[in-house]
Amino acid sequence: MLGRSGRLRHPPALFSTSAASLGATLAVIHLVFCAFITASLADISA
């Protein structure tokens, strides 16, 4: 599918799926990072 400017235009469904998977990946990384920080702070204060 070509857009008016000649660039490739993705279907909305494909874009939303990739955006959702990217958001889920970032959420998992965020949770792991927060858990790591919490564990580090608990080790320091213990």
PDB file of N, CA and C in Angstrom:
ATOM      1  N   MET A   1       0.840  -1.192   0.000  1.00  0.00           N
ATOM      2  CA  MET A   1       0.000   0.000   0.000  1.00  0.00           C
ATOM      3  C   MET A   1       0.881   1.249   0.000  1.00  0.00           C
ATOM      4  N   LEU A   2       0.671   2.105  -0.956  1.00  0.00           N
ATOM      5  CA  LEU A   2       1.466   3.318  -1.026  1.00  0.00           C
ATOM      6  C   LEU A   2       0.637   4.515  -0.598  1.00  0.00           C
ATOM      7  N   GLY A   3       1.241   5.343   0.215  1.00  0.00           N
ATOM      8  CA  GLY A   3       0.556   6.567   0.633  1.00  0.00           C
ATOM      9  C   GLY A   3       0.634   7.609  -0.467  1.00  0.00           C
ATOM     10  N   ARG A   4       0.084   8.770  -0.224  1.00  0.00           N
ATOM     11  CA  ARG A   4       0.077   9.822  -1.225  1.00  0.00           C
ATOM     12  C   ARG A   4       1.490  10.319  -1.503  1.00  0.00           C
ATOM     13  N   SER A   5       2.382  10.276  -0.499  1.00  0.00           N
ATOM     14  CA  SER A   5       3.737  10.783  -0.685  1.00  0.00           C
ATOM     15  C   SER A   5       4.658   9.716  -1.269  1.00  0.00           C
ATOM     16  N   GLY A   6       4.138   8.503  -1.473  1.00  0.00           N
ATOM     17  CA  GLY A   6       4.957   7.461  -2.063  1.00  0.00           C
ATOM     18  C   GLY A   6       5.596   6.544  -1.039  1.00  0.00           C
ATOM     19  N   ARG A   7       5.443   6.863   0.243  1.00  0.00           N
ATOM     20  CA  ARG A   7       6.008   5.991   1.267  1.00  0.00           C
ATOM     21  C   ARG A   7       5.048   4.852   1.582  1.00  0.00           C
ATOM     22  N   LEU A   8       5.589   3.793   2.177  1.00  0.00           N
ATOM     23  CA  LEU A   8       4.740   2.672   2.562  1.00  0.00           C
ATOM     24  C   LEU A   8       3.845   3.081   3.724  1.00  0.00           C
ATOM     25  N   ARG A   9       2.581   2.718   3.606  1.00  0.00           N
ATOM     26  CA  ARG A   9       1.628   3.047   4.658  1.00  0.00           C
ATOM     27  C   ARG A   9       1.125   1.743   5.262  1.00  0.00           C
ATOM     28  N   HIS A  10       1.316   1.568   6.569  1.00  0.00           N
ATOM     29  CA  HIS A  10       0.889   0.332   7.215  1.00  0.00           C
ATOM     30  C   HIS A  10      -0.602   0.377   7.506  1.00  0.00           C
ATOM     31  N   PRO A  11      -1.262  -0.780   7.446  1.00  0.00           N
ATOM     32  CA  PRO A  11      -2.667  -0.826   7.857  1.00  0.00           C
ATOM     33  C   PRO A  11      -2.785  -0.499   9.342  1.00  0.00           C
ATOM     34  N   PRO A  12      -3.874   0.138   9.768  1.00  0.00           N
ATOM     35  CA  PRO A  12      -4.027   0.524  11.177  1.00  0.00           C
ATOM     36  C   PRO A  12      -3.942  -0.674  12.117  1.00  0.00           C
ATOM     37  N   ALA A  13      -4.461  -1.831  11.711  1.00  0.00           N
ATOM     38  CA  ALA A  13      -4.452  -3.007  12.585  1.00  0.00           C
ATOM     39  C   ALA A  13      -3.018  -3.442  12.879  1.00  0.00           C
ATOM     40  N   LEU A  14      -2.180  -3.457  11.843  1.00  0.00           N
ATOM     41  CA  LEU A  14      -0.788  -3.858  12.034  1.00  0.00           C
ATOM     42  C   LEU A  14      -0.071  -2.864  12.935  1.00  0.00           C
ATOM     43  N   PHE A  15      -0.352  -1.583  12.733  1.00  0.00           N
ATOM     44  CA  PHE A  15       0.308  -0.555  13.539  1.00  0.00           C
ATOM     45  C   PHE A  15      -0.105  -0.664  15.000  1.00  0.00           C
ATOM     46  N   SER A  16      -1.395  -0.862  15.255  1.00  0.00           N
ATOM     47  CA  SER A  16      -1.864  -0.942  16.640  1.00  0.00           C
ATOM     48  C   SER A  16      -1.325  -2.196  17.312  1.00  0.00           C
ATOM     49  N   THR A  17      -1.177  -3.277  16.550  1.00  0.00           N
ATOM     50  CA  THR A  17      -0.645  -4.512  17.126  1.00  0.00           C
ATOM     51  C   THR A  17       0.810  -4.326  17.517  1.00  0.00           C
ATOM     52  N   SER A  18       1.602  -3.706  16.652  1.00  0.00           N
ATOM     53  CA  SER A  18       3.009  -3.485  16.971  1.00  0.00           C
ATOM     54  C   SER A  18       3.144  -2.496  18.117  1.00  0.00           C
ATOM     55  N   ALA A  19       2.269  -1.495  18.154  1.00  0.00           N
ATOM     56  CA  ALA A  19       2.305  -0.523  19.245  1.00  0.00           C
ATOM     57  C   ALA A  19       1.930  -1.189  20.562  1.00  0.00           C
ATOM     58  N   ALA A  20       0.956  -2.094  20.522  1.00  0.00           N
ATOM     59  CA  ALA A  20       0.540  -2.792  21.740  1.00  0.00           C
ATOM     60  C   ALA A  20       1.651  -3.711  22.231  1.00  0.00           C
ATOM     61  N   SER A  21       2.315  -4.411  21.316  1.00  0.00           N
ATOM     62  CA  SER A  21       3.402  -5.299  21.726  1.00  0.00           C
ATOM     63  C   SER A  21       4.573  -4.488  22.266  1.00  0.00           C
ATOM     64  N   LEU A  22       4.822  -3.330  21.674  1.00  0.00           N
ATOM     65  CA  LEU A  22       5.888  -2.461  22.176  1.00  0.00           C
ATOM     66  C   LEU A  22       5.536  -1.955  23.567  1.00  0.00           C
ATOM     67  N   GLY A  23       4.297  -1.568  23.763  1.00  0.00           N
ATOM     68  CA  GLY A  23       3.860  -1.100  25.074  1.00  0.00           C
ATOM     69  C   GLY A  23       3.957  -2.197  26.117  1.00  0.00           C
ATOM     70  N   ALA A  24       3.591  -3.417  25.742  1.00  0.00           N
ATOM     71  CA  ALA A  24       3.674  -4.535  26.685  1.00  0.00           C
ATOM     72  C   ALA A  24       5.125  -4.821  27.043  1.00  0.00           C
ATOM     73  N   THR A  25       6.008  -4.759  26.053  1.00  0.00           N
ATOM     74  CA  THR A  25       7.429  -4.994  26.319  1.00  0.00           C
ATOM     75  C   THR A  25       7.980  -3.935  27.258  1.00  0.00           C
ATOM     76  N   LEU A  26       7.633  -2.672  27.018  1.00  0.00           N
ATOM     77  CA  LEU A  26       8.100  -1.596  27.891  1.00  0.00           C
ATOM     78  C   LEU A  26       7.535  -1.749  29.295  1.00  0.00           C
ATOM     79  N   ALA A  27       6.286  -2.208  29.405  1.00  0.00           N
ATOM     80  CA  ALA A  27       5.678  -2.400  30.727  1.00  0.00           C
ATOM     81  C   ALA A  27       6.413  -3.491  31.497  1.00  0.00           C
ATOM     82  N   VAL A  28       6.766  -4.577  30.821  1.00  0.00           N
ATOM     83  CA  VAL A  28       7.493  -5.670  31.479  1.00  0.00           C
ATOM     84  C   VAL A  28       8.860  -5.182  31.937  1.00  0.00           C
ATOM     85  N   ILE A  29       9.566  -4.453  31.073  1.00  0.00           N
ATOM     86  CA  ILE A  29      10.881  -3.918  31.438  1.00  0.00           C
ATOM     87  C   ILE A  29      10.747  -2.974  32.622  1.00  0.00           C
ATOM     88  N   HIS A  30       9.705  -2.156  32.630  1.00  0.00           N
ATOM     89  CA  HIS A  30       9.472  -1.209  33.725  1.00  0.00           C
ATOM     90  C   HIS A  30       9.234  -1.955  35.037  1.00  0.00           C
ATOM     91  N   LEU A  31       8.432  -3.025  34.980  1.00  0.00           N
ATOM     92  CA  LEU A  31       8.147  -3.799  36.193  1.00  0.00           C
ATOM     93  C   LEU A  31       9.411  -4.468  36.719  1.00  0.00           C
ATOM     94  N   VAL A  32      10.204  -5.050  35.823  1.00  0.00           N
ATOM     95  CA  VAL A  32      11.445  -5.704  36.241  1.00  0.00           C
ATOM     96  C   VAL A  32      12.397  -4.679  36.839  1.00  0.00           C
ATOM     97  N   PHE A  33      12.477  -3.504  36.216  1.00  0.00           N
ATOM     98  CA  PHE A  33      13.364  -2.455  36.710  1.00  0.00           C
ATOM     99  C   PHE A  33      12.935  -1.995  38.097  1.00  0.00           C
ATOM    100  N   CYS A  34      11.634  -1.792  38.279  1.00  0.00           N
ATOM    101  CA  CYS A  34      11.126  -1.364  39.593  1.00  0.00           C
ATOM    102  C   CYS A  34      11.385  -2.435  40.645  1.00  0.00           C
ATOM    103  N   ALA A  35      11.189  -3.694  40.295  1.00  0.00           N
ATOM    104  CA  ALA A  35      11.434  -4.778  41.244  1.00  0.00           C
ATOM    105  C   ALA A  35      12.912  -4.833  41.610  1.00  0.00           C
ATOM    106  N   PHE A  36      13.786  -4.616  40.641  1.00  0.00           N
ATOM    107  CA  PHE A  36      15.223  -4.622  40.900  1.00  0.00           C
ATOM    108  C   PHE A  36      15.606  -3.483  41.836  1.00  0.00           C
ATOM    109  N   ILE A  37      15.063  -2.293  41.593  1.00  0.00           N
ATOM    110  CA  ILE A  37      15.346  -1.135  42.450  1.00  0.00           C
ATOM    111  C   ILE A  37      14.839  -1.387  43.866  1.00  0.00           C
ATOM    112  N   THR A  38      13.636  -1.932  43.987  1.00  0.00           N
ATOM    113  CA  THR A  38      13.068  -2.210  45.312  1.00  0.00           C
ATOM    114  C   THR A  38      13.924  -3.225  46.061  1.00  0.00           C
ATOM    115  N   ALA A  39      14.373  -4.265  45.376  1.00  0.00           N
ATOM    116  CA  ALA A  39      15.209  -5.276  46.016  1.00  0.00           C
ATOM    117  C   ALA A  39      16.545  -4.670  46.438  1.00  0.00           C
ATOM    118  N   SER A  40      17.096  -3.801  45.610  1.00  0.00           N
ATOM    119  CA  SER A  40      18.373  -3.168  45.946  1.00  0.00           C
ATOM    120  C   SER A  40      18.221  -2.279  47.175  1.00  0.00           C
ATOM    121  N   LEU A  41      17.147  -1.507  47.238  1.00  0.00           N
ATOM    122  CA  LEU A  41      16.920  -0.640  48.390  1.00  0.00           C
ATOM    123  C   LEU A  41      16.694  -1.473  49.649  1.00  0.00           C
ATOM    124  N   ALA A  42      16.003  -2.595  49.522  1.00  0.00           N
ATOM    125  CA  ALA A  42      15.757  -3.459  50.679  1.00  0.00           C
ATOM    126  C   ALA A  42      17.075  -4.052  51.171  1.00  0.00           C
ATOM    127  N   ASP A  43      17.958  -4.415  50.250  1.00  0.00           N
ATOM    128  CA  ASP A  43      19.256  -4.972  50.646  1.00  0.00           C
ATOM    129  C   ASP A  43      20.098  -3.912  51.349  1.00  0.00           C
ATOM    130  N   ILE A  44      20.036  -2.686  50.864  1.00  0.00           N
ATOM    131  CA  ILE A  44      20.844  -1.617  51.458  1.00  0.00           C
ATOM    132  C   ILE A  44      20.345  -1.300  52.869  1.00  0.00           C
ATOM    133  N   SER A  45      19.027  -1.215  53.035  1.00  0.00           N
ATOM    134  CA  SER A  45      18.476  -0.844  54.339  1.00  0.00           C
ATOM    135  C   SER A  45      18.538  -1.999  55.331  1.00  0.00           C
ATOM    136  N   ALA A  46      18.647  -3.221  54.851  1.00  0.00           N
ATOM    137  CA  ALA A  46      18.665  -4.377  55.757  1.00  0.00           C
ATOM    138  C   ALA A  46      19.998  -4.469  56.496  1.00  0.00           C
TER     139      ALA A  46
END
